[in-house]
Structure formats: C-alpha cells, structure tokens
Protein backbone atom coordinates (compact mmCIF):
# COMPACT_ATOMS: atom_id res chain seq x y z
CA MET A 1 22.33 3.76 -17.84
CA ASN A 2 20.88 7.24 -17.37
CA MET A 3 19.49 7.26 -20.90
CA LEU A 4 17.77 3.92 -20.29
CA PHE A 5 16.24 5.17 -17.05
CA LYS A 6 15.11 8.39 -18.73
CA LYS A 7 13.58 6.50 -21.63
CA LEU A 8 11.74 4.14 -19.27
CA SER A 9 10.50 6.98 -17.06
CA GLU A 10 8.99 8.75 -20.07
CA ASN A 11 7.04 5.67 -21.15
CA LYS A 12 3.38 5.93 -20.08
CA SER A 13 2.84 2.22 -19.56
CA VAL A 14 5.94 1.93 -17.36
CA LYS A 15 4.74 4.92 -15.31
CA TRP A 16 1.29 3.36 -14.93
CA ILE A 17 2.73 0.03 -13.81
CA GLY A 18 5.08 1.81 -11.40
CA TYR A 19 2.37 3.94 -9.81
CA THR A 20 -0.05 1.01 -9.61
CA SER A 21 2.48 -1.27 -7.95
CA PHE A 22 3.54 1.48 -5.53
CA TYR A 23 -0.01 2.18 -4.36
CA LEU A 24 -0.82 -1.54 -4.23
CA LEU A 25 2.20 -2.00 -1.98
CA ILE A 26 0.95 0.77 0.31
CA LEU A 27 -2.52 -0.80 0.48
CA LEU A 28 -1.08 -4.23 1.25
CA LEU A 29 1.15 -2.82 3.98
CA LEU A 30 -1.80 -1.02 5.56
CA PHE A 31 -3.83 -4.22 5.41
CA PHE A 32 -1.07 -6.20 7.09
CA ILE A 33 -0.64 -3.54 9.78
CA TYR A 34 -4.32 -2.96 10.58
CA GLY A 35 -6.15 -5.92 9.05
CA PHE A 36 -5.35 -8.70 11.48
CA HIS A 37 -6.97 -7.26 14.60
CA THR A 38 -9.90 -9.20 16.00
CA ALA A 39 -12.89 -7.76 17.81
CA ASN A 40 -11.46 -8.76 21.21
CA THR A 41 -8.26 -6.78 20.91
CA GLY A 42 -7.92 -3.18 21.91
CA SER A 43 -9.89 -1.14 24.37
CA PHE A 44 -13.63 -0.93 23.94
CA ILE A 45 -15.46 1.81 25.84
CA TYR A 46 -18.70 -0.02 26.61
CA ASN A 47 -17.34 -3.28 28.06
CA ASP A 48 -19.47 -3.30 31.24
CA PHE A 49 -22.87 -2.37 29.81
C-alpha cells in the first residue's frame, strides 16, 4: 500500500490533478461562503444619503 501511494505521489500527472482539484475545491468553498450575498445584506455606510 505504501509503495502504491509513493508511486502515485511521484507521478506528475497525478500531482497536477491533485493540486488542481484541491485549489478548485478551495475556490468553490469560498464562492459558496461569500458568493450568495445580495446587495441588501450587510451594513452599508451610506444608507441615509
């Protein structure tokens, strides 16, 4: 099992797919956290002007 993991971790295409999917997951999580706010939510400084 360790030899299989070591062989896969040394493969460049597996590393590229792993890094790409990891960063895509981070971007999707950030979009889901911050992407669904509308303009009416949150405090806006200049409401009464």
